[in-house]
C-alpha atoms as a PDB file:
ATOM      1  CA  MET A   1     -11.762  -1.510 -33.885  1.00  0.00           C
ATOM      2  CA  GLU A   2     -11.109   2.189 -33.430  1.00  0.00           C
ATOM      3  CA  LYS A   3     -14.637   2.699 -32.038  1.00  0.00           C
ATOM      4  CA  ALA A   4     -14.060  -0.077 -29.520  1.00  0.00           C
ATOM      5  CA  TYR A   5     -10.743   1.450 -28.470  1.00  0.00           C
ATOM      6  CA  ASN A   6     -12.261   4.925 -28.157  1.00  0.00           C
ATOM      7  CA  GLY A   7     -15.069   3.422 -26.083  1.00  0.00           C
ATOM      8  CA  PHE A   8     -12.519   1.698 -23.861  1.00  0.00           C
ATOM      9  CA  LEU A   9     -10.447   4.827 -23.154  1.00  0.00           C
ATOM     10  CA  PRO A  10     -12.982   6.524 -20.840  1.00  0.00           C
ATOM     11  CA  VAL A  11     -13.358   3.400 -18.664  1.00  0.00           C
ATOM     12  CA  ARG A  12      -9.657   2.541 -18.614  1.00  0.00           C
ATOM     13  CA  PRO A  13      -8.842   4.638 -15.484  1.00  0.00           C
ATOM     14  CA  ALA A  14     -11.639   2.935 -13.549  1.00  0.00           C
ATOM     15  CA  ILE A  15     -10.357  -0.492 -14.588  1.00  0.00           C
ATOM     16  CA  GLN A  16      -6.832   0.468 -13.540  1.00  0.00           C
ATOM     17  CA  ARG A  17      -8.064   1.705 -10.140  1.00  0.00           C
ATOM     18  CA  PHE A  18      -9.954  -1.553  -9.657  1.00  0.00           C
ATOM     19  CA  ILE A  19      -6.920  -3.677 -10.553  1.00  0.00           C
ATOM     20  CA  LEU A  20      -4.753  -1.718  -8.102  1.00  0.00           C
ATOM     21  CA  LYS A  21      -7.059  -2.915  -5.324  1.00  0.00           C
ATOM     22  CA  PHE A  22      -5.470  -6.353  -5.860  1.00  0.00           C
ATOM     23  CA  ASP A  23      -1.868  -5.288  -6.538  1.00  0.00           C
ATOM     24  CA  THR A  24       0.719  -6.493  -4.046  1.00  0.00           C
ATOM     25  CA  SER A  25       3.764  -6.213  -6.306  1.00  0.00           C
ATOM     26  CA  HIS A  26       5.318  -3.733  -3.839  1.00  0.00           C
ATOM     27  CA  LEU A  27       5.274  -6.376  -1.083  1.00  0.00           C
ATOM     28  CA  PRO A  28       7.305  -9.539  -0.528  1.00  0.00           C
ATOM     29  CA  PRO A  29       5.077 -12.383  -1.816  1.00  0.00           C
ATOM     30  CA  THR A  30       5.929 -14.527   1.201  1.00  0.00           C
ATOM     31  CA  LEU A  31       4.590 -11.847   3.567  1.00  0.00           C
ATOM     32  CA  VAL A  32       1.262 -10.884   1.973  1.00  0.00           C
ATOM     33  CA  ALA A  33      -0.666 -13.353   4.160  1.00  0.00           C
ATOM     34  CA  ASP A  34       1.226 -12.129   7.241  1.00  0.00           C
ATOM     35  CA  LEU A  35       0.400  -8.525   6.410  1.00  0.00           C
ATOM     36  CA  ARG A  36      -3.251  -9.513   6.006  1.00  0.00           C
ATOM     37  CA  THR A  37      -3.108 -10.841   9.574  1.00  0.00           C
ATOM     38  CA  ASP A  38      -1.451  -7.599  10.709  1.00  0.00           C
ATOM     39  CA  HIS A  39      -4.228  -5.558   9.119  1.00  0.00           C
ATOM     40  CA  ALA A  40      -6.864  -7.748  10.767  1.00  0.00           C
ATOM     41  CA  GLY A  41      -5.010  -7.513  14.074  1.00  0.00           C
ATOM     42  CA  GLU A  42      -4.741  -3.745  13.975  1.00  0.00           C
ATOM     43  CA  THR A  43      -8.455  -3.608  13.137  1.00  0.00           C
ATOM     44  CA  GLY A  44      -9.170  -5.779  16.170  1.00  0.00           C
ATOM     45  CA  ALA A  45      -6.873  -3.661  18.351  1.00  0.00           C
ATOM     46  CA  VAL A  46      -8.702  -0.462  17.434  1.00  0.00           C
ATOM     47  CA  TRP A  47     -11.952  -2.129  18.432  1.00  0.00           C
ATOM     48  CA  ILE A  48     -10.521  -3.505  21.693  1.00  0.00           C
ATOM     49  CA  TYR A  49      -9.903   0.063  22.814  1.00  0.00           C
ATOM     50  CA  LYS A  50     -13.302   1.186  21.528  1.00  0.00           C
ATOM     51  CA  GLY A  51     -14.849  -1.605  23.622  1.00  0.00           C
ATOM     52  CA  ILE A  52     -12.953  -0.468  26.705  1.00  0.00           C
ATOM     53  CA  LEU A  53     -14.032   3.139  26.161  1.00  0.00           C
ATOM     54  CA  ALA A  54     -17.661   2.091  25.651  1.00  0.00           C
ATOM     55  CA  VAL A  55     -17.817   0.340  29.032  1.00  0.00           C
ATOM     56  CA  SER A  56     -15.226   1.708  31.447  1.00  0.00           C
ATOM     57  CA  ARG A  57     -15.906   4.808  33.511  1.00  0.00           C
ATOM     58  CA  ASN A  58     -12.522   4.669  35.263  1.00  0.00           C
ATOM     59  CA  PRO A  59     -10.636   7.860  34.269  1.00  0.00           C
ATOM     60  CA  GLU A  60      -7.232   6.129  34.364  1.00  0.00           C
ATOM     61  CA  VAL A  61      -8.423   3.253  32.150  1.00  0.00           C
ATOM     62  CA  ARG A  62     -10.118   5.671  29.766  1.00  0.00           C
ATOM     63  CA  ALA A  63      -6.943   7.767  29.436  1.00  0.00           C
ATOM     64  CA  PHE A  64      -4.909   4.580  28.856  1.00  0.00           C
ATOM     65  CA  ALA A  65      -7.373   3.324  26.225  1.00  0.00           C
ATOM     66  CA  SER A  66      -7.662   6.697  24.478  1.00  0.00           C
ATOM     67  CA  GLU A  67      -3.899   7.050  24.163  1.00  0.00           C
ATOM     68  CA  HIS A  68      -3.438   3.502  22.897  1.00  0.00           C
ATOM     69  CA  LEU A  69      -6.385   3.818  20.512  1.00  0.00           C
ATOM     70  CA  GLN A  70      -4.564   6.659  18.756  1.00  0.00           C
ATOM     71  CA  THR A  71      -1.478   4.478  18.288  1.00  0.00           C
ATOM     72  CA  GLU A  72      -3.500   1.516  17.010  1.00  0.00           C
ATOM     73  CA  GLN A  73      -5.443   3.762  14.635  1.00  0.00           C
ATOM     74  CA  ARG A  74      -2.140   5.059  13.253  1.00  0.00           C
ATOM     75  CA  HIS A  75      -0.999   1.459  12.738  1.00  0.00           C
ATOM     76  CA  LEU A  76      -4.284   0.590  11.015  1.00  0.00           C
ATOM     77  CA  ASN A  77      -4.033   3.627   8.744  1.00  0.00           C
ATOM     78  CA  ALA A  78      -0.532   2.528   7.729  1.00  0.00           C
ATOM     79  CA  MET A  79      -1.777  -1.010   7.047  1.00  0.00           C
ATOM     80  CA  ASN A  80      -4.658   0.403   4.993  1.00  0.00           C
ATOM     81  CA  THR A  81      -2.093   2.211   2.848  1.00  0.00           C
ATOM     82  CA  LEU A  82       0.187  -0.802   2.588  1.00  0.00           C
ATOM     83  CA  LEU A  83      -2.295  -3.585   1.838  1.00  0.00           C
ATOM     84  CA  PRO A  84      -4.685  -3.289  -1.125  1.00  0.00           C
ATOM     85  CA  VAL A  85      -8.403  -3.502  -0.305  1.00  0.00           C
ATOM     86  CA  PHE A  86      -9.012  -6.878  -1.907  1.00  0.00           C
ATOM     87  CA  ARG A  87      -5.991  -8.464  -0.210  1.00  0.00           C
ATOM     88  CA  ARG A  88      -7.316  -7.727   3.278  1.00  0.00           C
ATOM     89  CA  SER A  89      -9.147 -10.252   5.422  1.00  0.00           C
ATOM     90  CA  TRP A  90     -12.751 -10.859   4.419  1.00  0.00           C
ATOM     91  CA  LEU A  91     -13.575 -11.305   8.110  1.00  0.00           C
ATOM     92  CA  LEU A  92     -13.130  -7.696   9.214  1.00  0.00           C
ATOM     93  CA  VAL A  93     -16.651  -7.458  10.662  1.00  0.00           C
ATOM     94  CA  PRO A  94     -16.084 -10.472  12.949  1.00  0.00           C
ATOM     95  CA  TRP A  95     -12.662  -9.058  13.909  1.00  0.00           C
ATOM     96  CA  ARG A  96     -14.315  -5.770  14.904  1.00  0.00           C
ATOM     97  CA  ILE A  97     -16.913  -7.598  17.006  1.00  0.00           C
ATOM     98  CA  ALA A  98     -14.293  -9.843  18.617  1.00  0.00           C
ATOM     99  CA  GLY A  99     -12.091  -6.835  19.329  1.00  0.00           C
ATOM    100  CA  PHE A 100     -14.948  -4.871  20.864  1.00  0.00           C
ATOM    101  CA  LEU A 101     -15.880  -7.796  23.127  1.00  0.00           C
ATOM    102  CA  THR A 102     -12.233  -8.400  24.063  1.00  0.00           C
ATOM    103  CA  GLY A 103     -12.130  -4.820  25.320  1.00  0.00           C
ATOM    104  CA  ALA A 104     -15.637  -4.447  26.725  1.00  0.00           C
ATOM    105  CA  LEU A 105     -15.851  -7.687  28.730  1.00  0.00           C
ATOM    106  CA  PRO A 106     -12.803  -7.111  30.940  1.00  0.00           C
ATOM    107  CA  ALA A 107     -13.809  -3.453  31.345  1.00  0.00           C
ATOM    108  CA  LEU A 108     -16.933  -4.734  33.110  1.00  0.00           C
ATOM    109  CA  PHE A 109     -14.656  -6.307  35.737  1.00  0.00           C
ATOM    110  CA  GLY A 110     -12.385  -3.345  36.330  1.00  0.00           C
ATOM    111  CA  SER A 111      -9.025  -1.897  35.505  1.00  0.00           C
ATOM    112  CA  VAL A 112      -6.873  -4.901  36.416  1.00  0.00           C
ATOM    113  CA  ALA A 113      -8.841  -7.126  34.022  1.00  0.00           C
ATOM    114  CA  VAL A 114      -8.358  -4.554  31.255  1.00  0.00           C
ATOM    115  CA  TYR A 115      -4.616  -4.323  31.857  1.00  0.00           C
ATOM    116  CA  ARG A 116      -4.213  -8.113  31.959  1.00  0.00           C
ATOM    117  CA  THR A 117      -6.090  -8.386  28.673  1.00  0.00           C
ATOM    118  CA  ILE A 118      -3.922  -5.777  26.970  1.00  0.00           C
ATOM    119  CA  ALA A 119      -0.743  -7.391  28.303  1.00  0.00           C
ATOM    120  CA  ALA A 120      -1.889 -10.775  26.930  1.00  0.00           C
ATOM    121  CA  VAL A 121      -2.824  -9.389  23.515  1.00  0.00           C
ATOM    122  CA  GLU A 122       0.370  -7.379  23.147  1.00  0.00           C
ATOM    123  CA  THR A 123       2.549 -10.302  24.237  1.00  0.00           C
ATOM    124  CA  PHE A 124       1.121 -12.292  21.339  1.00  0.00           C
ATOM    125  CA  VAL A 125       1.439  -9.359  18.914  1.00  0.00           C
ATOM    126  CA  ASN A 126       5.095  -8.837  19.822  1.00  0.00           C
ATOM    127  CA  LEU A 127       5.925 -12.437  18.889  1.00  0.00           C
ATOM    128  CA  HIS A 128       3.835 -12.205  15.721  1.00  0.00           C
ATOM    129  CA  TYR A 129       5.672  -9.103  14.513  1.00  0.00           C
ATOM    130  CA  GLN A 130       9.023 -10.654  15.453  1.00  0.00           C
ATOM    131  CA  GLU A 131       8.363 -13.621  13.136  1.00  0.00           C
ATOM    132  CA  GLN A 132       7.765 -11.244  10.224  1.00  0.00           C
ATOM    133  CA  ILE A 133      10.827  -9.147  11.013  1.00  0.00           C
ATOM    134  CA  GLU A 134      12.923 -12.318  11.012  1.00  0.00           C
ATOM    135  CA  LYS A 135      11.478 -13.292   7.603  1.00  0.00           C
ATOM    136  CA  LEU A 136      12.465  -9.880   6.250  1.00  0.00           C
ATOM    137  CA  ASN A 137      15.939 -10.263   7.763  1.00  0.00           C
ATOM    138  CA  THR A 138      16.276 -13.545   5.876  1.00  0.00           C
ATOM    139  CA  LEU A 139      15.099 -11.953   2.630  1.00  0.00           C
ATOM    140  CA  GLY A 140      17.424  -8.992   3.087  1.00  0.00           C
ATOM    141  CA  THR A 141      15.018  -6.735   1.170  1.00  0.00           C
ATOM    142  CA  HIS A 142      12.112  -4.379   1.885  1.00  0.00           C
ATOM    143  CA  GLN A 143      13.981  -2.390   4.534  1.00  0.00           C
ATOM    144  CA  ALA A 144      11.261   0.285   4.756  1.00  0.00           C
ATOM    145  CA  LEU A 145       8.639  -2.365   5.520  1.00  0.00           C
ATOM    146  CA  LYS A 146      10.940  -3.939   8.099  1.00  0.00           C
ATOM    147  CA  ALA A 147      11.490  -0.554   9.770  1.00  0.00           C
ATOM    148  CA  GLN A 148       7.739   0.006   9.886  1.00  0.00           C
ATOM    149  CA  LEU A 149       7.116  -3.404  11.472  1.00  0.00           C
ATOM    150  CA  ILE A 150       9.876  -2.764  14.021  1.00  0.00           C
ATOM    151  CA  GLU A 151       8.275   0.579  14.897  1.00  0.00           C
ATOM    152  CA  PHE A 152       4.881  -1.102  15.337  1.00  0.00           C
ATOM    153  CA  GLN A 153       6.451  -3.865  17.426  1.00  0.00           C
ATOM    154  CA  LEU A 154       8.086  -1.308  19.729  1.00  0.00           C
ATOM    155  CA  ASP A 155       4.743   0.459  20.178  1.00  0.00           C
ATOM    156  CA  GLU A 156       3.040  -2.844  21.019  1.00  0.00           C
ATOM    157  CA  CYS A 157       5.791  -3.764  23.496  1.00  0.00           C
ATOM    158  CA  ALA A 158       5.370  -0.377  25.178  1.00  0.00           C
ATOM    159  CA  HIS A 159       1.621  -1.048  25.478  1.00  0.00           C
ATOM    160  CA  ARG A 160       2.346  -4.518  26.903  1.00  0.00           C
ATOM    161  CA  ASP A 161       4.858  -3.197  29.419  1.00  0.00           C
ATOM    162  CA  GLU A 162       2.626  -0.332  30.517  1.00  0.00           C
ATOM    163  CA  ALA A 163      -0.314  -2.697  31.034  1.00  0.00           C
ATOM    164  CA  ALA A 164       1.822  -5.306  32.813  1.00  0.00           C
ATOM    165  CA  ALA A 165       3.198  -2.664  35.192  1.00  0.00           C
ATOM    166  CA  LYS A 166      -0.360  -1.920  36.313  1.00  0.00           C
ATOM    167  CA  THR A 167      -1.051  -5.576  37.232  1.00  0.00           C
ATOM    168  CA  THR A 168       1.461  -6.284  39.965  1.00  0.00           C
ATOM    169  CA  LYS A 169      -0.447  -9.108  41.682  1.00  0.00           C
ATOM    170  CA  PRO A 170      -0.755 -12.548  40.094  1.00  0.00           C
ATOM    171  CA  GLY A 171      -4.202 -13.304  38.778  1.00  0.00           C
ATOM    172  CA  GLY A 172      -6.536 -15.951  40.073  1.00  0.00           C
ATOM    173  CA  LEU A 173      -7.876 -18.911  38.122  1.00  0.00           C
ATOM    174  CA  ILE A 174     -10.478 -16.909  36.203  1.00  0.00           C
ATOM    175  CA  ALA A 175      -7.900 -14.285  35.230  1.00  0.00           C
ATOM    176  CA  ARG A 176      -5.484 -16.986  34.035  1.00  0.00           C
ATOM    177  CA  LEU A 177      -8.248 -18.684  32.033  1.00  0.00           C
ATOM    178  CA  TRP A 178      -9.223 -15.355  30.446  1.00  0.00           C
ATOM    179  CA  VAL A 179      -5.622 -14.524  29.530  1.00  0.00           C
ATOM    180  CA  SER A 180      -5.213 -18.004  28.049  1.00  0.00           C
ATOM    181  CA  ALA A 181      -8.436 -17.588  26.053  1.00  0.00           C
ATOM    182  CA  VAL A 182      -7.232 -14.226  24.734  1.00  0.00           C
ATOM    183  CA  GLY A 183      -3.920 -15.758  23.632  1.00  0.00           C
ATOM    184  CA  SER A 184      -5.635 -18.748  22.009  1.00  0.00           C
ATOM    185  CA  GLY A 185      -8.183 -16.501  20.332  1.00  0.00           C
ATOM    186  CA  SER A 186      -5.377 -14.385  18.902  1.00  0.00           C
ATOM    187  CA  LYS A 187      -3.717 -17.490  17.437  1.00  0.00           C
ATOM    188  CA  VAL A 188      -6.979 -18.672  15.862  1.00  0.00           C
ATOM    189  CA  ALA A 189      -7.656 -15.204  14.449  1.00  0.00           C
ATOM    190  CA  VAL A 190      -4.195 -15.069  12.848  1.00  0.00           C
ATOM    191  CA  THR A 191      -4.666 -18.505  11.305  1.00  0.00           C
ATOM    192  CA  LEU A 192      -8.042 -17.545   9.830  1.00  0.00           C
ATOM    193  CA  ALA A 193      -6.926 -14.112   8.629  1.00  0.00           C
ATOM    194  CA  ARG A 194      -3.947 -15.659   6.862  1.00  0.00           C
ATOM    195  CA  PHE A 195      -6.357 -17.415   4.474  1.00  0.00           C
ATOM    196  CA  ILE A 196      -9.680 -15.545   4.626  1.00  0.00           C
END
């Protein structure tokens, strides 16, 4: 028995590190799925801005996307710290592709299309974060997590408002269809990321 125990001791730290990749004891159990969607969403957001930067040559759009990419990367880094590896969405590659396309496609059509897309995405994200903040208000616990989500929500609202201010004219049918598709796609992505 002692030989088995002595053999176990060297591998114990590796086992503990592996188990921590599943540990969500520091999070409210009712919000783990929501946080998985947040992580997936922040991943997608990073790739939206990468898609814009890959396609757009407009200096104003590029400055807008570069600045917002930094914010979204900060959010993603925080989510990476918060959510253990094996509790994240298993669909991160599709979220990256979808994010890239959500940024690149409107960039092909110009700055107004980019700004409408960002306004649509961030409108959805604001509501999504608000639902989680309300859940935490009901629980009355995890104040640090709540403060972090409020900070992220404020950043997303600032992105939404900045983008909306740059699209003063109402969009045509194609623009409205695109914005609707972006909103619907965001809802589907959240539903999938909640479970997968």
